[in-house]
Structures are given as C-alpha cells and as structure tokens.
Amino acid sequence: MIKVLHIIKSLGRGGAEMLLQETLPYHHKNKYEFHYIYFLPWKNQMVSGIEKNGGIVKNFEAKGNLGIMMQARKVAAYIKQNEIEIIHCHLPWAGFLGRWVHRLTGVPLIYTEHNKQERYHWITRTLNKLTFNQQNHVVAVSKDVEESILKYIRPHVPVTTILNGVNVETFLRNKDRGLALREKLGIAENAPVVGTVAVFRFQKRLKEWVTVFKQAEKQVPGLRGIIVGEGLLREEIEAHIREEGMEEKIILPGLQTDVKPWYEAMDVFMMTSVFEGLPIALLEAMSMECAVVSTNAGGIKEVIRDDVDGLLKPVDDWKMLSAHVIKLFQNKTLLDKYGCAARNRVVTTFSMKAMVEQTEFLYQSIISLH
C-alpha cells in the first residue's frame, strides 16, 4: 500500500476540495491509502464524503495562513507516524507548508496548481516563485495554468498538465428531481432558468452575472435565476440584486452540499468569470446536460469549444453573454443541442477515471525515483 497525504487549507465546497472527495472512489484502494490534512475546521463539508469512501481525515486547526505554517512540525510528525510516502498539496498556502514539511521529512512532494500565477496576490505570487523548486513535481489543472507557471516561475522541477475531471456516472441528470426542486422553489415546470454555482469572490464577477441576467430577462418572459454558493461578497451581491430590482427573479439558496438537484433545475449554466483555472462546477454542469454560456476565461476555453460544446464570449465582452442566453431560450432545439453537446464533451474528454489514471501514474513514477 502506497500511503498518500493530501494537504489543503480547507475541505469546504470549493473546486479543489470537491476533487479530493470525488476522485477518491476511482482510486485503486488495494494499492493506495489516502490521508487528508486540512486547517480551517469550519470549512468541513467534504469531510464526511471522504471518510465514507475510506479516506483518513485529520484537522490541525489554524485561524489563518500564518497559523497554517505553524503546523509544519505537527504535519511532519503525522507523516512519520503514519509512514506517508507521498505528500500531495493543493493551492498556495498548503504548498508553502508542504515544501517546508518536505525539507523536514524528505518525503516526495507533488503540488497541484489550480490557478494562474498572475491572479494571485503579489505576496502569494512572490512566495510561490521563491519556493517553487523545493518540491519534486507540479501538476497544472489546465494548459493555461501550465503556461502561466512556465512564464512567471520558470521552474526547474517538471510540470505536468492533468485536466480536471468529473464523475460522469454520478453527475447524471434526473429530470424528476429537478422538477421537484423547481416546485419547492415556486418555479414553473416550463419556466426558463439560468444559474451558476460559485464561491462568492471577485474572480466570478457575480454582480456582472446579475447584470447579464437582467438584460436577458427583458426579452425572455418568466426567466428565473439561481446562484448557488456562499462567500465574503454575499452581502454586496445581495445589495446589487436589490438595486437591479431582481430580488423576485434570482434565488440565492446559499451553500449546498448536494448540488445535483440545483443543476437539474437549471436549463443554462452561465459563468461571467474574469479568470479561472479549470472550474469543477463547469464540468459538473456540463455532465448534468446544462447548456453553457460563459466567458472564455482561463481553462474554460480548453473545455468549451465555442459554438460546439457551448457559447463563449471574450472576458471583456461579458455583457454580450445576454445575447447568447436570449438565443438559447428562444430556440428550444438549440438549447437541447448544447445541453447534449456539453454532456458528450465531458464524457469523452474530462472523465474522473482518466484524471485518476494519470494521477496514479504520476504517483508510481515518483515512488520509482525514490
């Protein structure tokens, strides 16, 4: 049994966090034992799912980034006690900690980068550049992320792109479940619904999402909106919804551990992001046969081929997304076509199975070198 330790800041509902839960059932349990360390105890939505699938989870409580770094010796002791053979870190502050622990223990370290370097705070970006070569291998979640690493970091360690995947067997549309949720929300069975699932932070541009929705709503009778998620900008987004007079049209249900019914209640999944790595929510929505309308930020354009798998606009032309939404709701055949195309795209290219196979191959190559 190869013992792998994943280190991540939290196990709340974020893209990287969701991947840890969703990939676990696909791994070869007769070959690998997976451990997970996280630091923010109030962000623990993925813990039960990981434990249910055999993962061993440990919380080393820390209140902030500096507190996380203070846990290095505890993590090193855990690694020694549990005979961990590979450390796999996700996102910058877990990466900084992991590189320190790597120096303390000598255990091989893999780091997965989920975002482009230029999108990080300058302090985070600088620390990343200073410490980046203190690890054995780097995984980028998209070619866009890999190119950013090569441009801004110029690393001496190898970088491999392993595209994010989705569980296409689990994320399978159930029409009845979607209709039941619509009824609960007071949304008519045939009402047009556009939605998104996101952490409420700057990069998602949810205020812009509301603006696009308002423009589309003028020409799509009965259009309803759903924004699933939570975050620091919630009050600001709620205020913007009120300012735009959309409080009766857009539903904000908050954080949802089970997002499948929410995708099933949507016809169109819309993203207005200014930057992305390779968003898990996008892959989930596509697997659930939502037609996609989005900006072409980051790895999104590696997933959606414009006018083939969905409809895209350049990041700076986000206002034009409303035209795509209107077009889809005025043509049911087109709406269904893009929903089916989205599903086919993830099944053939972005399956969880392929992602896990590539990750396990990397684990084996790292072990063979050490």
Protein backbone atom coordinates (compact mmCIF):
# COMPACT_ATOMS: atom_id res chain seq x y z
CA MET A 1 0.00 0.00 0.00
CA ILE A 2 1.32 3.40 -1.03
CA LYS A 3 0.29 5.98 1.57
CA VAL A 4 -0.55 9.40 0.12
CA LEU A 5 -1.19 12.51 2.21
CA HIS A 6 -3.25 15.32 0.66
CA ILE A 7 -2.73 18.72 2.32
CA ILE A 8 -5.22 21.53 1.67
CA LYS A 9 -6.26 24.67 3.50
CA SER A 10 -9.89 23.66 3.93
CA LEU A 11 -12.37 20.94 3.00
CA GLY A 12 -15.25 23.27 2.25
CA ARG A 13 -17.19 23.34 -1.01
CA GLY A 14 -14.57 24.61 -3.46
CA GLY A 15 -13.35 23.15 -6.74
CA ALA A 16 -10.10 21.69 -5.43
CA GLU A 17 -11.83 20.41 -2.30
CA MET A 18 -14.58 18.75 -4.30
CA LEU A 19 -12.00 16.96 -6.43
CA LEU A 20 -10.48 15.31 -3.37
CA GLN A 21 -13.86 13.86 -2.47
CA GLU A 22 -14.93 12.93 -5.99
CA THR A 23 -11.67 11.27 -7.12
CA LEU A 24 -11.35 9.01 -4.08
CA PRO A 25 -13.83 6.30 -5.23
CA TYR A 26 -11.90 5.94 -8.51
CA HIS A 27 -8.52 5.19 -6.95
CA HIS A 28 -7.24 1.63 -6.57
CA LYS A 29 -7.87 1.05 -2.86
CA ASN A 30 -5.78 -2.14 -2.94
CA LYS A 31 -2.74 -0.06 -3.91
CA TYR A 32 -3.25 3.27 -2.13
CA GLU A 33 -4.21 4.55 1.31
CA PHE A 34 -5.24 8.20 1.35
CA HIS A 35 -4.82 10.63 4.24
CA TYR A 36 -6.08 14.25 4.31
CA ILE A 37 -4.97 17.15 6.48
CA TYR A 38 -6.88 20.46 6.49
CA PHE A 39 -6.71 23.52 8.75
CA LEU A 40 -9.97 25.51 8.80
CA PRO A 41 -12.39 23.45 10.92
CA TRP A 42 -15.47 25.48 9.95
CA LYS A 43 -14.93 24.56 6.29
CA ASN A 44 -15.51 20.82 6.52
CA GLN A 45 -18.32 19.99 4.07
CA MET A 46 -16.21 17.39 2.22
CA VAL A 47 -15.03 15.51 5.33
CA SER A 48 -17.95 13.07 5.60
CA GLY A 49 -17.79 12.18 1.90
CA ILE A 50 -14.07 11.49 2.08
CA GLU A 51 -14.38 9.38 5.21
CA LYS A 52 -17.32 7.46 3.70
CA ASN A 53 -15.03 6.39 0.85
CA GLY A 54 -12.20 5.26 3.11
CA GLY A 55 -10.13 8.44 3.43
CA ILE A 56 -8.47 9.24 6.75
CA VAL A 57 -9.04 12.90 7.67
CA LYS A 58 -7.21 14.99 10.27
CA ASN A 59 -7.81 18.63 11.19
CA PHE A 60 -4.90 20.69 12.52
CA GLU A 61 -6.80 23.81 13.49
CA ALA A 62 -5.40 27.14 12.32
CA LYS A 63 -7.08 30.54 12.04
CA GLY A 64 -5.12 31.93 9.12
CA ASN A 65 -2.21 31.50 6.75
CA LEU A 66 0.50 32.10 9.35
CA GLY A 67 -1.29 29.70 11.68
CA ILE A 68 -1.13 27.07 8.94
CA MET A 69 2.63 27.49 8.64
CA MET A 70 2.96 26.97 12.39
CA GLN A 71 1.60 23.43 11.95
CA ALA A 72 4.65 22.22 9.99
CA ARG A 73 6.21 20.10 12.74
CA LYS A 74 2.83 18.54 13.63
CA VAL A 75 2.34 17.59 9.99
CA ALA A 76 5.88 16.21 9.81
CA ALA A 77 5.22 14.10 12.92
CA TYR A 78 1.98 12.81 11.37
CA ILE A 79 3.88 11.82 8.22
CA LYS A 80 6.48 9.90 10.23
CA GLN A 81 3.88 8.22 12.47
CA ASN A 82 1.72 7.10 9.52
CA GLU A 83 4.60 6.21 7.19
CA ILE A 84 3.41 8.56 4.43
CA GLU A 85 5.26 8.01 1.14
CA ILE A 86 3.92 10.88 -1.00
CA ILE A 87 2.77 14.38 0.00
CA HIS A 88 0.30 15.97 -2.41
CA CYS A 89 -0.52 19.65 -1.73
CA HIS A 90 -3.25 21.81 -3.25
CA LEU A 91 -3.31 25.63 -3.54
CA PRO A 92 -0.52 28.02 -2.44
CA TRP A 93 -0.55 28.08 1.37
CA ALA A 94 -0.82 24.32 1.63
CA GLY A 95 2.01 24.28 -0.93
CA PHE A 96 4.21 26.56 1.19
CA LEU A 97 3.63 24.35 4.22
CA GLY A 98 4.22 21.20 2.17
CA ARG A 99 7.59 22.45 0.91
CA TRP A 100 8.72 23.11 4.47
CA VAL A 101 7.49 19.68 5.57
CA HIS A 102 9.24 18.14 2.55
CA ARG A 103 12.52 19.62 3.80
CA LEU A 104 11.86 18.31 7.31
CA THR A 105 10.93 14.78 6.24
CA GLY A 106 12.47 14.13 2.82
CA VAL A 107 9.14 12.63 1.67
CA PRO A 108 8.48 13.33 -2.06
CA LEU A 109 6.17 16.28 -2.70
CA ILE A 110 3.70 16.90 -5.52
CA TYR A 111 1.94 20.25 -5.78
CA THR A 112 -1.21 20.88 -7.80
CA GLU A 113 -1.64 24.43 -9.10
CA HIS A 114 -5.28 25.35 -9.72
CA ASN A 115 -4.87 29.00 -10.82
CA LYS A 116 -2.76 31.25 -12.99
CA GLN A 117 0.14 32.95 -11.19
CA GLU A 118 -0.79 36.47 -12.27
CA ARG A 119 -4.12 36.16 -10.46
CA TYR A 120 -2.58 35.69 -7.03
CA HIS A 121 -1.81 38.49 -4.55
CA TRP A 122 1.74 39.70 -5.11
CA ILE A 123 2.87 38.28 -1.75
CA THR A 124 1.49 34.83 -2.61
CA ARG A 125 2.99 35.02 -6.09
CA THR A 126 6.41 36.02 -4.72
CA LEU A 127 6.44 33.25 -2.11
CA ASN A 128 5.42 30.76 -4.77
CA LYS A 129 8.28 31.82 -7.02
CA LEU A 130 10.85 31.70 -4.19
CA THR A 131 9.88 28.22 -3.03
CA PHE A 132 8.56 26.57 -6.19
CA ASN A 133 11.61 24.39 -6.84
CA GLN A 134 11.50 22.91 -3.33
CA GLN A 135 9.27 20.07 -4.49
CA ASN A 136 9.51 17.08 -6.81
CA HIS A 137 6.73 17.59 -9.34
CA VAL A 138 3.98 20.10 -10.22
CA VAL A 139 0.55 19.34 -11.67
CA ALA A 140 -1.32 22.06 -13.58
CA VAL A 141 -5.08 21.65 -13.96
CA SER A 142 -5.08 23.15 -17.47
CA LYS A 143 -2.65 24.13 -20.23
CA ASP A 144 -3.45 27.75 -19.44
CA VAL A 145 -2.26 27.23 -15.85
CA GLU A 146 0.84 25.37 -17.05
CA GLU A 147 1.77 28.20 -19.43
CA SER A 148 1.39 30.69 -16.58
CA ILE A 149 3.77 28.66 -14.39
CA LEU A 150 6.36 28.41 -17.16
CA LYS A 151 6.11 32.15 -17.89
CA TYR A 152 6.16 33.58 -14.36
CA ILE A 153 8.02 30.92 -12.34
CA ARG A 154 10.36 29.33 -14.89
CA PRO A 155 10.67 26.25 -12.69
CA HIS A 156 13.46 23.68 -12.64
CA VAL A 157 11.06 20.94 -11.48
CA PRO A 158 8.85 19.12 -14.02
CA VAL A 159 5.33 20.41 -14.69
CA THR A 160 2.58 18.11 -16.00
CA THR A 161 -0.93 19.07 -17.03
CA ILE A 162 -3.63 16.73 -15.74
CA LEU A 163 -7.03 18.09 -16.70
CA ASN A 164 -9.69 18.20 -14.01
CA GLY A 165 -12.39 15.59 -14.33
CA VAL A 166 -15.96 14.97 -13.22
CA ASN A 167 -17.79 11.86 -12.07
CA VAL A 168 -19.99 11.38 -15.13
CA GLU A 169 -21.76 8.39 -13.56
CA THR A 170 -22.85 10.38 -10.51
CA PHE A 171 -23.47 13.72 -12.22
CA LEU A 172 -26.26 12.37 -14.41
CA ARG A 173 -29.38 14.43 -14.97
CA ASN A 174 -32.58 13.32 -13.21
CA LYS A 175 -35.46 15.32 -14.64
CA ASP A 176 -37.91 14.42 -11.86
CA ARG A 177 -35.52 15.57 -9.14
CA GLY A 178 -35.05 18.88 -10.92
CA LEU A 179 -38.79 19.38 -11.29
CA ALA A 180 -39.30 18.62 -7.59
CA LEU A 181 -36.83 21.32 -6.64
CA ARG A 182 -38.46 23.78 -9.04
CA GLU A 183 -41.82 23.12 -7.41
CA LYS A 184 -40.31 23.68 -3.96
CA LEU A 185 -38.80 26.98 -5.14
CA GLY A 186 -42.03 28.13 -6.77
CA ILE A 187 -40.60 27.94 -10.29
CA ALA A 188 -42.95 26.72 -13.01
CA GLU A 189 -42.10 23.44 -14.74
CA ASN A 190 -41.55 25.11 -18.13
CA ALA A 191 -40.04 28.36 -16.87
CA PRO A 192 -36.62 29.25 -18.36
CA VAL A 193 -33.90 29.04 -15.68
CA VAL A 194 -30.29 30.22 -15.87
CA GLY A 195 -27.96 29.51 -12.97
CA THR A 196 -24.44 29.13 -11.66
CA VAL A 197 -22.56 27.51 -8.78
CA ALA A 198 -19.70 29.56 -7.39
CA VAL A 199 -17.78 30.83 -4.40
CA PHE A 200 -18.80 34.47 -3.93
CA ARG A 201 -15.47 36.11 -4.73
CA PHE A 202 -14.11 38.70 -7.14
CA GLN A 203 -12.98 36.38 -9.94
CA LYS A 204 -16.53 35.06 -10.51
CA ARG A 205 -17.91 38.58 -11.19
CA LEU A 206 -21.34 37.71 -9.82
CA LYS A 207 -22.50 41.32 -9.87
CA GLU A 208 -21.82 41.24 -13.60
CA TRP A 209 -23.72 37.92 -13.73
CA VAL A 210 -26.76 39.71 -12.28
CA THR A 211 -26.42 42.50 -14.83
CA VAL A 212 -26.32 39.98 -17.70
CA PHE A 213 -29.35 38.20 -16.24
CA LYS A 214 -31.30 41.46 -16.07
CA GLN A 215 -30.60 42.19 -19.74
CA ALA A 216 -31.71 38.70 -20.78
CA GLU A 217 -34.80 38.86 -18.56
CA LYS A 218 -36.09 41.80 -20.56
CA GLN A 219 -36.52 39.56 -23.61
CA VAL A 220 -37.13 36.14 -22.04
CA PRO A 221 -40.54 36.10 -20.35
CA GLY A 222 -40.55 34.44 -16.93
CA LEU A 223 -36.76 33.99 -16.76
CA ARG A 224 -35.54 32.91 -13.32
CA GLY A 225 -32.01 32.88 -11.93
CA ILE A 226 -30.24 30.68 -9.36
CA ILE A 227 -26.84 31.49 -7.83
CA VAL A 228 -25.72 28.62 -5.59
CA GLY A 229 -22.85 29.31 -3.20
CA GLU A 230 -21.51 31.44 -0.41
CA GLY A 231 -18.64 33.78 0.33
CA LEU A 232 -17.40 37.11 1.60
CA LEU A 233 -19.13 39.09 -1.16
CA ARG A 234 -22.63 37.77 -0.45
CA GLU A 235 -23.97 41.00 1.09
CA GLU A 236 -22.55 43.04 -1.77
CA ILE A 237 -24.16 40.74 -4.34
CA GLU A 238 -27.49 40.75 -2.49
CA ALA A 239 -27.41 44.55 -2.48
CA HIS A 240 -26.71 44.61 -6.22
CA ILE A 241 -29.64 42.26 -6.88
CA ARG A 242 -31.91 44.66 -4.97
CA GLU A 243 -30.51 47.67 -6.84
CA GLU A 244 -31.26 45.95 -10.15
CA GLY A 245 -34.78 45.07 -8.97
CA MET A 246 -34.14 41.36 -9.44
CA GLU A 247 -34.81 40.12 -5.89
CA GLU A 248 -38.04 38.38 -7.05
CA LYS A 249 -36.28 36.80 -10.04
CA ILE A 250 -32.96 35.50 -8.64
CA ILE A 251 -32.70 32.88 -5.88
CA LEU A 252 -29.65 32.66 -3.59
CA PRO A 253 -30.01 29.35 -1.71
CA GLY A 254 -26.57 29.57 -0.08
CA LEU A 255 -24.05 26.76 0.24
CA GLN A 256 -25.39 23.37 -0.89
CA THR A 257 -23.54 20.14 -0.14
CA ASP A 258 -25.57 18.28 -2.77
CA VAL A 259 -25.61 20.47 -5.87
CA LYS A 260 -27.04 17.93 -8.30
CA PRO A 261 -30.73 18.96 -7.93
CA TRP A 262 -29.72 22.58 -8.47
CA TYR A 263 -28.04 21.78 -11.79
CA GLU A 264 -31.15 19.77 -12.72
CA ALA A 265 -33.32 22.81 -12.05
CA MET A 266 -31.21 24.86 -14.50
CA ASP A 267 -31.52 24.96 -18.29
CA VAL A 268 -28.47 27.16 -18.83
CA PHE A 269 -25.29 27.35 -16.76
CA MET A 270 -23.70 30.79 -17.07
CA MET A 271 -20.26 31.97 -15.95
CA THR A 272 -19.00 35.57 -16.11
CA SER A 273 -15.55 34.88 -14.62
CA VAL A 274 -12.60 37.18 -15.25
CA PHE A 275 -10.14 34.32 -14.65
CA GLU A 276 -10.26 30.59 -13.93
CA GLY A 277 -8.07 27.52 -13.71
CA LEU A 278 -10.35 24.74 -14.84
CA PRO A 279 -13.63 25.12 -12.89
CA ILE A 280 -15.14 21.95 -11.44
CA ALA A 281 -18.63 23.48 -11.34
CA LEU A 282 -18.49 23.94 -15.11
CA LEU A 283 -17.67 20.26 -15.65
CA GLU A 284 -20.43 19.21 -13.23
CA ALA A 285 -22.99 21.38 -15.00
CA MET A 286 -21.96 20.02 -18.39
CA SER A 287 -22.23 16.44 -17.13
CA MET A 288 -25.78 17.32 -15.99
CA GLU A 289 -26.66 18.48 -19.54
CA CYS A 290 -26.87 22.19 -18.81
CA ALA A 291 -26.26 24.30 -21.89
CA VAL A 292 -23.23 26.52 -21.21
CA VAL A 293 -22.87 30.25 -21.75
CA SER A 294 -19.58 31.67 -20.47
CA THR A 295 -16.64 33.98 -20.82
CA ASN A 296 -13.54 32.26 -22.23
CA ALA A 297 -11.52 32.81 -19.04
CA GLY A 298 -8.52 30.56 -18.41
CA GLY A 299 -9.15 26.84 -18.74
CA ILE A 300 -12.80 27.36 -19.74
CA LYS A 301 -11.73 27.70 -23.36
CA GLU A 302 -9.94 24.33 -23.09
CA VAL A 303 -13.24 22.72 -22.12
CA ILE A 304 -15.79 24.60 -24.23
CA ARG A 305 -15.19 24.83 -27.95
CA ASP A 306 -17.21 27.88 -28.95
CA ASP A 307 -20.36 27.07 -30.90
CA VAL A 308 -19.63 23.33 -30.50
CA ASP A 309 -19.93 22.45 -26.80
CA GLY A 310 -21.35 25.78 -25.65
CA LEU A 311 -21.31 29.51 -26.33
CA LEU A 312 -18.42 31.78 -25.33
CA LYS A 313 -17.57 35.46 -25.28
CA PRO A 314 -14.21 37.13 -24.53
CA VAL A 315 -13.67 38.08 -20.88
CA ASP A 316 -14.02 41.80 -21.61
CA ASP A 317 -17.22 41.25 -23.63
CA TRP A 318 -19.17 39.71 -20.74
CA LYS A 319 -22.16 41.97 -21.37
CA MET A 320 -22.70 40.16 -24.68
CA LEU A 321 -23.46 36.91 -22.83
CA SER A 322 -27.07 38.07 -22.55
CA ALA A 323 -27.45 37.66 -26.33
CA HIS A 324 -26.40 34.01 -26.02
CA VAL A 325 -28.88 33.40 -23.19
CA ILE A 326 -31.69 35.01 -25.17
CA LYS A 327 -30.82 32.97 -28.28
CA LEU A 328 -30.96 29.68 -26.40
CA PHE A 329 -34.28 30.36 -24.71
CA GLN A 330 -35.82 31.49 -27.98
CA ASN A 331 -34.83 28.20 -29.65
CA LYS A 332 -35.60 25.03 -27.65
CA THR A 333 -33.88 22.83 -30.25
CA LEU A 334 -30.68 24.82 -29.86
CA LEU A 335 -30.94 24.68 -26.07
CA ASP A 336 -31.25 20.89 -26.12
CA LYS A 337 -28.44 20.58 -28.66
CA TYR A 338 -25.93 22.41 -26.45
CA GLY A 339 -27.06 20.51 -23.36
CA CYS A 340 -26.33 17.19 -25.09
CA ALA A 341 -23.06 18.51 -26.55
CA ALA A 342 -21.89 19.58 -23.10
CA ARG A 343 -22.55 16.12 -21.67
CA ASN A 344 -20.77 14.41 -24.58
CA ARG A 345 -17.75 16.65 -24.16
CA VAL A 346 -17.10 15.75 -20.51
CA VAL A 347 -17.83 12.04 -21.04
CA THR A 348 -15.26 11.78 -23.82
CA THR A 349 -12.55 14.15 -22.54
CA PHE A 350 -13.00 15.13 -18.89
CA SER A 351 -13.96 11.96 -17.06
CA MET A 352 -12.81 11.40 -13.48
CA LYS A 353 -11.48 7.98 -14.47
CA ALA A 354 -8.94 9.47 -16.90
CA MET A 355 -7.84 12.07 -14.35
CA VAL A 356 -7.25 9.45 -11.64
CA GLU A 357 -5.36 7.13 -14.00
CA GLN A 358 -2.95 9.94 -14.89
CA THR A 359 -2.54 10.91 -11.22
CA GLU A 360 -1.77 7.32 -10.16
CA PHE A 361 0.76 7.02 -12.99
CA LEU A 362 2.48 10.12 -11.59
CA TYR A 363 2.46 8.64 -8.07
CA GLN A 364 4.09 5.44 -9.36
CA SER A 365 6.76 7.38 -11.26
CA ILE A 366 7.58 9.46 -8.16
CA ILE A 367 7.84 6.34 -5.99
CA SER A 368 10.09 4.62 -8.54
CA LEU A 369 12.51 7.57 -8.44
CA HIS A 370 12.73 7.44 -4.64
